[in-house]
Amino acid sequence: MDDTSAAEILHPYWPRDLLIPTYVANDRSMSEILAFLFSVSGVFLLVTWLITGSTRSTGRLGTWRRLAVCWFAVCGFIHGVIEAWFSLYYDIIPGDQSFLSQLCECKQKETFRKLADNFTVCMETVTACLWGPFSFWAVFAFLTNKPYRFVLQLIISLGQLYGAVLYFFTEHRDGYTHSELGHPVYFWFYFVFMNFLWIIIPLLLIVDAWRQLSAAQAHTDNTASKKSKRS
């Protein structure tokens, strides 16, 4: 390989022969960027936890429900801010030094597949436009006891699950060419663990919403049956 070719692929991402001619290394460290991500996520968690535990919510939201609402608050931030930024500027992120671009770049440390895969870019855009606002809407719905809150929970969780499964499955069909297979950080932490959260947690929330909506429908059916017997 000549010097020109080597320079063309001088980046830390997979596949190694992916050309990113505009790539510029981040001027902030990964620890600084991750500290910001986890700090902001922690603030969303803490504030939401405190709000759901206020006197107004006591007796209505148990621990599990409060954790679910906290999850939606964090999802609103990730989908509505970080992934929204990515969907708008994915084509310039490799060379952009703005903080959110560096955060997106760090978040995708194991692969720049999202820059090369039109389907994934479209899926991220849908996630940002729908599941971000819907997540904040779900937080509001649970805090104000709206009757449609579990419908929102079901819709958001199904969308997250669908996107995560497709992300894993399409990468599997590609033979994991977009990641360093087996790497303890870039593969198992960034690719598997971080994305697998959007399978496990949405699955639990889907089952929860199913039970809640089924119980509500059963109550409606029983009430209608009793009314018909009295008439």
C-alpha atoms as a PDB file:
ATOM      1  CA  MET A   1       0.000   0.000   0.000  1.00  0.00           C
ATOM      2  CA  ASP A   2       1.456   3.405  -0.984  1.00  0.00           C
ATOM      3  CA  ASP A   3       1.643   6.447   1.265  1.00  0.00           C
ATOM      4  CA  THR A   4      -1.379   8.094  -0.390  1.00  0.00           C
ATOM      5  CA  SER A   5      -3.601   5.054   0.227  1.00  0.00           C
ATOM      6  CA  ALA A   6      -2.373   4.794   3.807  1.00  0.00           C
ATOM      7  CA  ALA A   7      -3.223   8.425   4.414  1.00  0.00           C
ATOM      8  CA  GLU A   8      -6.678   7.962   2.947  1.00  0.00           C
ATOM      9  CA  ILE A   9      -7.645   5.326   5.529  1.00  0.00           C
ATOM     10  CA  LEU A  10      -5.851   6.835   8.534  1.00  0.00           C
ATOM     11  CA  HIS A  11      -8.726   6.644  11.017  1.00  0.00           C
ATOM     12  CA  PRO A  12      -9.601   4.321  13.934  1.00  0.00           C
ATOM     13  CA  TYR A  13     -12.864   2.960  12.530  1.00  0.00           C
ATOM     14  CA  TRP A  14     -14.043  -0.228  10.893  1.00  0.00           C
ATOM     15  CA  PRO A  15     -13.989  -1.450   8.197  1.00  0.00           C
ATOM     16  CA  ARG A  16     -10.344  -0.473   8.000  1.00  0.00           C
ATOM     17  CA  ASP A  17     -10.529   0.223   4.246  1.00  0.00           C
ATOM     18  CA  LEU A  18     -13.449   2.654   4.654  1.00  0.00           C
ATOM     19  CA  LEU A  19     -12.455   5.972   3.131  1.00  0.00           C
ATOM     20  CA  ILE A  20     -13.192   9.021   5.302  1.00  0.00           C
ATOM     21  CA  PRO A  21     -11.193  11.775   3.580  1.00  0.00           C
ATOM     22  CA  THR A  22     -12.614  14.509   5.839  1.00  0.00           C
ATOM     23  CA  TYR A  23     -11.708  12.711   9.080  1.00  0.00           C
ATOM     24  CA  VAL A  24     -10.112  14.865  11.776  1.00  0.00           C
ATOM     25  CA  ALA A  25      -9.208  13.392  15.167  1.00  0.00           C
ATOM     26  CA  ASN A  26     -11.220  14.762  18.091  1.00  0.00           C
ATOM     27  CA  ASP A  27      -9.503  17.504  20.079  1.00  0.00           C
ATOM     28  CA  ARG A  28     -11.313  16.320  23.232  1.00  0.00           C
ATOM     29  CA  SER A  29     -10.497  13.078  25.006  1.00  0.00           C
ATOM     30  CA  MET A  30     -12.903  10.182  25.092  1.00  0.00           C
ATOM     31  CA  SER A  31     -13.063  10.395  28.895  1.00  0.00           C
ATOM     32  CA  GLU A  32     -14.133  14.058  28.681  1.00  0.00           C
ATOM     33  CA  ILE A  33     -16.832  13.304  26.129  1.00  0.00           C
ATOM     34  CA  LEU A  34     -18.147  10.241  27.973  1.00  0.00           C
ATOM     35  CA  ALA A  35     -18.111  12.172  31.255  1.00  0.00           C
ATOM     36  CA  PHE A  36     -20.387  14.760  29.641  1.00  0.00           C
ATOM     37  CA  LEU A  37     -22.710  12.079  28.227  1.00  0.00           C
ATOM     38  CA  PHE A  38     -23.082  10.213  31.503  1.00  0.00           C
ATOM     39  CA  SER A  39     -23.303  13.434  33.532  1.00  0.00           C
ATOM     40  CA  VAL A  40     -26.171  14.831  31.459  1.00  0.00           C
ATOM     41  CA  SER A  41     -27.901  11.448  31.447  1.00  0.00           C
ATOM     42  CA  GLY A  42     -27.417  11.331  35.218  1.00  0.00           C
ATOM     43  CA  VAL A  43     -28.996  14.766  35.594  1.00  0.00           C
ATOM     44  CA  PHE A  44     -32.034  13.649  33.581  1.00  0.00           C
ATOM     45  CA  LEU A  45     -32.270  10.536  35.753  1.00  0.00           C
ATOM     46  CA  LEU A  46     -31.928  12.418  39.029  1.00  0.00           C
ATOM     47  CA  VAL A  47     -34.356  15.220  38.173  1.00  0.00           C
ATOM     48  CA  THR A  48     -36.959  12.790  36.836  1.00  0.00           C
ATOM     49  CA  TRP A  49     -36.533  10.523  39.862  1.00  0.00           C
ATOM     50  CA  LEU A  50     -37.058  13.452  42.226  1.00  0.00           C
ATOM     51  CA  ILE A  51     -40.100  14.706  40.316  1.00  0.00           C
ATOM     52  CA  THR A  52     -41.739  11.273  40.249  1.00  0.00           C
ATOM     53  CA  GLY A  53     -41.121  10.935  43.979  1.00  0.00           C
ATOM     54  CA  SER A  54     -42.746  14.231  44.882  1.00  0.00           C
ATOM     55  CA  THR A  55     -45.840  14.404  47.097  1.00  0.00           C
ATOM     56  CA  ARG A  56     -48.010  14.789  44.026  1.00  0.00           C
ATOM     57  CA  SER A  57     -46.839  11.427  42.699  1.00  0.00           C
ATOM     58  CA  THR A  58     -46.703   9.506  45.992  1.00  0.00           C
ATOM     59  CA  GLY A  59     -48.923   6.444  45.925  1.00  0.00           C
ATOM     60  CA  ARG A  60     -49.352   6.608  42.170  1.00  0.00           C
ATOM     61  CA  LEU A  61     -45.882   5.837  40.851  1.00  0.00           C
ATOM     62  CA  GLY A  62     -44.023   2.948  42.440  1.00  0.00           C
ATOM     63  CA  THR A  63     -40.292   2.290  42.136  1.00  0.00           C
ATOM     64  CA  TRP A  64     -40.583   0.310  38.897  1.00  0.00           C
ATOM     65  CA  ARG A  65     -42.791   2.955  37.305  1.00  0.00           C
ATOM     66  CA  ARG A  66     -40.456   5.751  38.388  1.00  0.00           C
ATOM     67  CA  LEU A  67     -37.504   3.910  36.844  1.00  0.00           C
ATOM     68  CA  ALA A  68     -39.463   3.480  33.598  1.00  0.00           C
ATOM     69  CA  VAL A  69     -40.211   7.211  33.481  1.00  0.00           C
ATOM     70  CA  CYS A  70     -36.522   7.949  34.127  1.00  0.00           C
ATOM     71  CA  TRP A  71     -35.657   5.673  31.205  1.00  0.00           C
ATOM     72  CA  PHE A  72     -37.939   7.655  28.906  1.00  0.00           C
ATOM     73  CA  ALA A  73     -36.368  10.922  30.068  1.00  0.00           C
ATOM     74  CA  VAL A  74     -32.880   9.679  29.198  1.00  0.00           C
ATOM     75  CA  CYS A  75     -34.149   8.277  25.875  1.00  0.00           C
ATOM     76  CA  GLY A  76     -35.632  11.674  25.078  1.00  0.00           C
ATOM     77  CA  PHE A  77     -32.204  13.249  25.548  1.00  0.00           C
ATOM     78  CA  ILE A  78     -30.304  10.603  23.556  1.00  0.00           C
ATOM     79  CA  HIS A  79     -32.823  10.306  20.703  1.00  0.00           C
ATOM     80  CA  GLY A  80     -33.938  13.920  20.592  1.00  0.00           C
ATOM     81  CA  VAL A  81     -30.545  15.605  20.961  1.00  0.00           C
ATOM     82  CA  ILE A  82     -27.609  13.310  20.120  1.00  0.00           C
ATOM     83  CA  GLU A  83     -29.261  11.227  17.411  1.00  0.00           C
ATOM     84  CA  ALA A  84     -31.079  14.283  16.050  1.00  0.00           C
ATOM     85  CA  TRP A  85     -27.693  15.986  15.652  1.00  0.00           C
ATOM     86  CA  PHE A  86     -26.357  12.893  13.911  1.00  0.00           C
ATOM     87  CA  SER A  87     -29.324  12.704  11.519  1.00  0.00           C
ATOM     88  CA  LEU A  88     -28.760  16.334  10.522  1.00  0.00           C
ATOM     89  CA  TYR A  89     -24.961  16.380  10.253  1.00  0.00           C
ATOM     90  CA  TYR A  90     -23.875  12.752   9.730  1.00  0.00           C
ATOM     91  CA  ASP A  91     -22.049  13.665   6.514  1.00  0.00           C
ATOM     92  CA  ILE A  92     -19.753  16.240   8.153  1.00  0.00           C
ATOM     93  CA  ILE A  93     -19.288  14.675  11.609  1.00  0.00           C
ATOM     94  CA  PRO A  94     -15.897  12.997  10.853  1.00  0.00           C
ATOM     95  CA  GLY A  95     -14.276  16.380  10.275  1.00  0.00           C
ATOM     96  CA  ASP A  96     -16.394  18.573  12.538  1.00  0.00           C
ATOM     97  CA  GLN A  97     -14.968  19.643  15.903  1.00  0.00           C
ATOM     98  CA  SER A  98     -18.197  20.835  17.551  1.00  0.00           C
ATOM     99  CA  PHE A  99     -18.873  19.088  20.851  1.00  0.00           C
ATOM    100  CA  LEU A 100     -21.991  17.212  19.709  1.00  0.00           C
ATOM    101  CA  SER A 101     -20.218  15.975  16.578  1.00  0.00           C
ATOM    102  CA  GLN A 102     -17.356  14.688  18.696  1.00  0.00           C
ATOM    103  CA  LEU A 103     -19.884  13.059  21.008  1.00  0.00           C
ATOM    104  CA  CYS A 104     -21.558  11.323  18.047  1.00  0.00           C
ATOM    105  CA  GLU A 105     -18.153  10.257  16.759  1.00  0.00           C
ATOM    106  CA  CYS A 106     -17.195   8.867  20.154  1.00  0.00           C
ATOM    107  CA  LYS A 107     -20.564   7.130  20.487  1.00  0.00           C
ATOM    108  CA  GLN A 108     -19.871   5.354  17.182  1.00  0.00           C
ATOM    109  CA  LYS A 109     -16.275   4.542  18.053  1.00  0.00           C
ATOM    110  CA  GLU A 110     -16.541   0.929  16.958  1.00  0.00           C
ATOM    111  CA  THR A 111     -17.816   1.714  13.445  1.00  0.00           C
ATOM    112  CA  PHE A 112     -18.636   4.395  10.961  1.00  0.00           C
ATOM    113  CA  ARG A 113     -21.202   2.120   9.369  1.00  0.00           C
ATOM    114  CA  LYS A 114     -23.857   4.778   9.928  1.00  0.00           C
ATOM    115  CA  LEU A 115     -22.044   7.106   7.535  1.00  0.00           C
ATOM    116  CA  ALA A 116     -21.853   4.491   4.810  1.00  0.00           C
ATOM    117  CA  ASP A 117     -25.198   2.728   5.255  1.00  0.00           C
ATOM    118  CA  ASN A 118     -28.209   4.617   3.898  1.00  0.00           C
ATOM    119  CA  PHE A 119     -30.683   2.373   5.722  1.00  0.00           C
ATOM    120  CA  THR A 120     -29.065   3.035   9.095  1.00  0.00           C
ATOM    121  CA  VAL A 121     -28.984   6.784   8.511  1.00  0.00           C
ATOM    122  CA  CYS A 122     -32.709   6.693   7.691  1.00  0.00           C
ATOM    123  CA  MET A 123     -33.456   4.579  10.761  1.00  0.00           C
ATOM    124  CA  GLU A 124     -31.532   6.985  13.007  1.00  0.00           C
ATOM    125  CA  THR A 125     -33.467   9.893  11.514  1.00  0.00           C
ATOM    126  CA  VAL A 126     -36.796   8.197  12.254  1.00  0.00           C
ATOM    127  CA  THR A 127     -35.586   7.483  15.790  1.00  0.00           C
ATOM    128  CA  ALA A 128     -34.642  11.125  16.321  1.00  0.00           C
ATOM    129  CA  CYS A 129     -37.863  12.531  14.839  1.00  0.00           C
ATOM    130  CA  LEU A 130     -40.283  10.111  16.523  1.00  0.00           C
ATOM    131  CA  TRP A 131     -38.892   8.356  19.583  1.00  0.00           C
ATOM    132  CA  GLY A 132     -37.144  11.439  20.952  1.00  0.00           C
ATOM    133  CA  PRO A 133     -40.259  13.654  21.166  1.00  0.00           C
ATOM    134  CA  PHE A 134     -42.441  10.654  22.030  1.00  0.00           C
ATOM    135  CA  SER A 135     -40.156   9.798  24.968  1.00  0.00           C
ATOM    136  CA  PHE A 136     -40.559  13.272  26.468  1.00  0.00           C
ATOM    137  CA  TRP A 137     -44.293  13.012  25.778  1.00  0.00           C
ATOM    138  CA  ALA A 138     -44.356   9.713  27.703  1.00  0.00           C
ATOM    139  CA  VAL A 139     -42.658  11.387  30.688  1.00  0.00           C
ATOM    140  CA  PHE A 140     -45.336  14.083  30.653  1.00  0.00           C
ATOM    141  CA  ALA A 141     -48.100  11.489  30.249  1.00  0.00           C
ATOM    142  CA  PHE A 142     -46.992   9.477  33.280  1.00  0.00           C
ATOM    143  CA  LEU A 143     -46.451  12.548  35.443  1.00  0.00           C
ATOM    144  CA  THR A 144     -49.946  13.821  34.638  1.00  0.00           C
ATOM    145  CA  ASN A 145     -51.615  10.394  34.668  1.00  0.00           C
ATOM    146  CA  LYS A 146     -52.857  10.585  31.084  1.00  0.00           C
ATOM    147  CA  PRO A 147     -55.012   7.608  30.004  1.00  0.00           C
ATOM    148  CA  TYR A 148     -52.871   7.048  26.883  1.00  0.00           C
ATOM    149  CA  ARG A 149     -49.568   6.729  28.770  1.00  0.00           C
ATOM    150  CA  PHE A 150     -49.226   2.972  28.282  1.00  0.00           C
ATOM    151  CA  VAL A 151     -50.117   3.283  24.605  1.00  0.00           C
ATOM    152  CA  LEU A 152     -47.159   5.652  24.259  1.00  0.00           C
ATOM    153  CA  GLN A 153     -44.966   3.253  26.231  1.00  0.00           C
ATOM    154  CA  LEU A 154     -45.915   0.398  23.892  1.00  0.00           C
ATOM    155  CA  ILE A 155     -45.367   2.414  20.693  1.00  0.00           C
ATOM    156  CA  ILE A 156     -41.975   3.809  21.758  1.00  0.00           C
ATOM    157  CA  SER A 157     -40.701   0.467  23.046  1.00  0.00           C
ATOM    158  CA  LEU A 158     -41.765  -1.388  19.900  1.00  0.00           C
ATOM    159  CA  GLY A 159     -39.985   1.201  17.772  1.00  0.00           C
ATOM    160  CA  GLN A 160     -36.800   0.981  19.858  1.00  0.00           C
ATOM    161  CA  LEU A 161     -36.846  -2.816  19.828  1.00  0.00           C
ATOM    162  CA  TYR A 162     -37.414  -2.948  16.076  1.00  0.00           C
ATOM    163  CA  GLY A 163     -34.527  -0.560  15.396  1.00  0.00           C
ATOM    164  CA  ALA A 164     -32.099  -2.361  17.716  1.00  0.00           C
ATOM    165  CA  VAL A 165     -32.929  -5.804  16.311  1.00  0.00           C
ATOM    166  CA  LEU A 166     -32.432  -4.570  12.744  1.00  0.00           C
ATOM    167  CA  TYR A 167     -29.150  -2.920  13.729  1.00  0.00           C
ATOM    168  CA  PHE A 168     -27.792  -6.188  15.133  1.00  0.00           C
ATOM    169  CA  PHE A 169     -29.274  -8.420  12.436  1.00  0.00           C
ATOM    170  CA  THR A 170     -28.039  -6.389   9.471  1.00  0.00           C
ATOM    171  CA  GLU A 171     -24.562  -6.257  11.004  1.00  0.00           C
ATOM    172  CA  HIS A 172     -24.664 -10.041  11.508  1.00  0.00           C
ATOM    173  CA  ARG A 173     -25.608 -10.546   7.853  1.00  0.00           C
ATOM    174  CA  ASP A 174     -22.697  -8.307   6.857  1.00  0.00           C
ATOM    175  CA  GLY A 175     -20.348 -10.602   8.763  1.00  0.00           C
ATOM    176  CA  TYR A 176     -19.435  -8.004  11.416  1.00  0.00           C
ATOM    177  CA  THR A 177     -17.261  -6.201   8.892  1.00  0.00           C
ATOM    178  CA  HIS A 178     -18.049  -2.852  10.514  1.00  0.00           C
ATOM    179  CA  SER A 179     -16.541  -3.634  13.892  1.00  0.00           C
ATOM    180  CA  GLU A 180     -13.458  -5.220  15.403  1.00  0.00           C
ATOM    181  CA  LEU A 181     -15.038  -8.555  16.255  1.00  0.00           C
ATOM    182  CA  GLY A 182     -14.304  -9.618  19.840  1.00  0.00           C
ATOM    183  CA  HIS A 183     -12.646  -6.371  20.960  1.00  0.00           C
ATOM    184  CA  PRO A 184     -13.495  -5.912  24.684  1.00  0.00           C
ATOM    185  CA  VAL A 185     -14.296  -2.192  24.353  1.00  0.00           C
ATOM    186  CA  TYR A 186     -15.309  -1.447  20.777  1.00  0.00           C
ATOM    187  CA  PHE A 187     -17.217  -4.685  20.141  1.00  0.00           C
ATOM    188  CA  TRP A 188     -18.498  -5.978  23.481  1.00  0.00           C
ATOM    189  CA  PHE A 189     -19.076  -2.632  25.239  1.00  0.00           C
ATOM    190  CA  TYR A 190     -19.883  -0.120  22.485  1.00  0.00           C
ATOM    191  CA  PHE A 191     -21.527  -2.408  19.954  1.00  0.00           C
ATOM    192  CA  VAL A 192     -23.089  -5.220  22.013  1.00  0.00           C
ATOM    193  CA  PHE A 193     -23.765  -3.882  25.524  1.00  0.00           C
ATOM    194  CA  MET A 194     -24.728  -0.293  24.693  1.00  0.00           C
ATOM    195  CA  ASN A 195     -27.083  -1.338  21.902  1.00  0.00           C
ATOM    196  CA  PHE A 196     -28.431  -4.407  23.720  1.00  0.00           C
ATOM    197  CA  LEU A 197     -29.950  -2.106  26.355  1.00  0.00           C
ATOM    198  CA  TRP A 198     -32.423  -1.020  23.673  1.00  0.00           C
ATOM    199  CA  ILE A 199     -33.553  -4.627  23.353  1.00  0.00           C
ATOM    200  CA  ILE A 200     -33.819  -5.742  26.983  1.00  0.00           C
ATOM    201  CA  ILE A 201     -35.446  -2.629  28.473  1.00  0.00           C
ATOM    202  CA  PRO A 202     -37.983  -2.108  25.656  1.00  0.00           C
ATOM    203  CA  LEU A 203     -38.916  -5.801  25.890  1.00  0.00           C
ATOM    204  CA  LEU A 204     -39.668  -5.403  29.597  1.00  0.00           C
ATOM    205  CA  LEU A 205     -41.686  -2.255  28.911  1.00  0.00           C
ATOM    206  CA  ILE A 206     -43.632  -3.957  26.105  1.00  0.00           C
ATOM    207  CA  VAL A 207     -44.642  -6.780  28.467  1.00  0.00           C
ATOM    208  CA  ASP A 208     -45.571  -4.208  31.110  1.00  0.00           C
ATOM    209  CA  ALA A 209     -47.681  -2.170  28.669  1.00  0.00           C
ATOM    210  CA  TRP A 210     -49.333  -5.372  27.406  1.00  0.00           C
ATOM    211  CA  ARG A 211     -50.369  -6.295  30.938  1.00  0.00           C
ATOM    212  CA  GLN A 212     -51.629  -2.801  31.757  1.00  0.00           C
ATOM    213  CA  LEU A 213     -53.637  -2.431  28.555  1.00  0.00           C
ATOM    214  CA  SER A 214     -55.018  -5.958  28.794  1.00  0.00           C
ATOM    215  CA  ALA A 215     -56.149  -5.316  32.374  1.00  0.00           C
ATOM    216  CA  ALA A 216     -57.819  -2.065  31.315  1.00  0.00           C
ATOM    217  CA  GLN A 217     -59.613  -3.803  28.433  1.00  0.00           C
ATOM    218  CA  ALA A 218     -60.712  -6.647  30.717  1.00  0.00           C
ATOM    219  CA  HIS A 219     -62.142  -4.101  33.157  1.00  0.00           C
ATOM    220  CA  THR A 220     -63.996  -2.358  30.316  1.00  0.00           C
ATOM    221  CA  ASP A 221     -65.376  -5.675  29.047  1.00  0.00           C
ATOM    222  CA  ASN A 222     -66.550  -6.682  32.536  1.00  0.00           C
ATOM    223  CA  THR A 223     -68.213  -3.315  33.085  1.00  0.00           C
ATOM    224  CA  ALA A 224     -69.987  -3.529  29.722  1.00  0.00           C
ATOM    225  CA  SER A 225     -71.087  -7.100  30.490  1.00  0.00           C
ATOM    226  CA  LYS A 226     -72.563  -6.082  33.862  1.00  0.00           C
ATOM    227  CA  LYS A 227     -74.418  -3.161  32.271  1.00  0.00           C
ATOM    228  CA  SER A 228     -75.895  -5.390  29.573  1.00  0.00           C
ATOM    229  CA  LYS A 229     -77.114  -7.875  32.195  1.00  0.00           C
ATOM    230  CA  ARG A 230     -78.823  -5.131  34.188  1.00  0.00           C
ATOM    231  CA  SER A 231     -80.613  -3.727  31.161  1.00  0.00           C
END
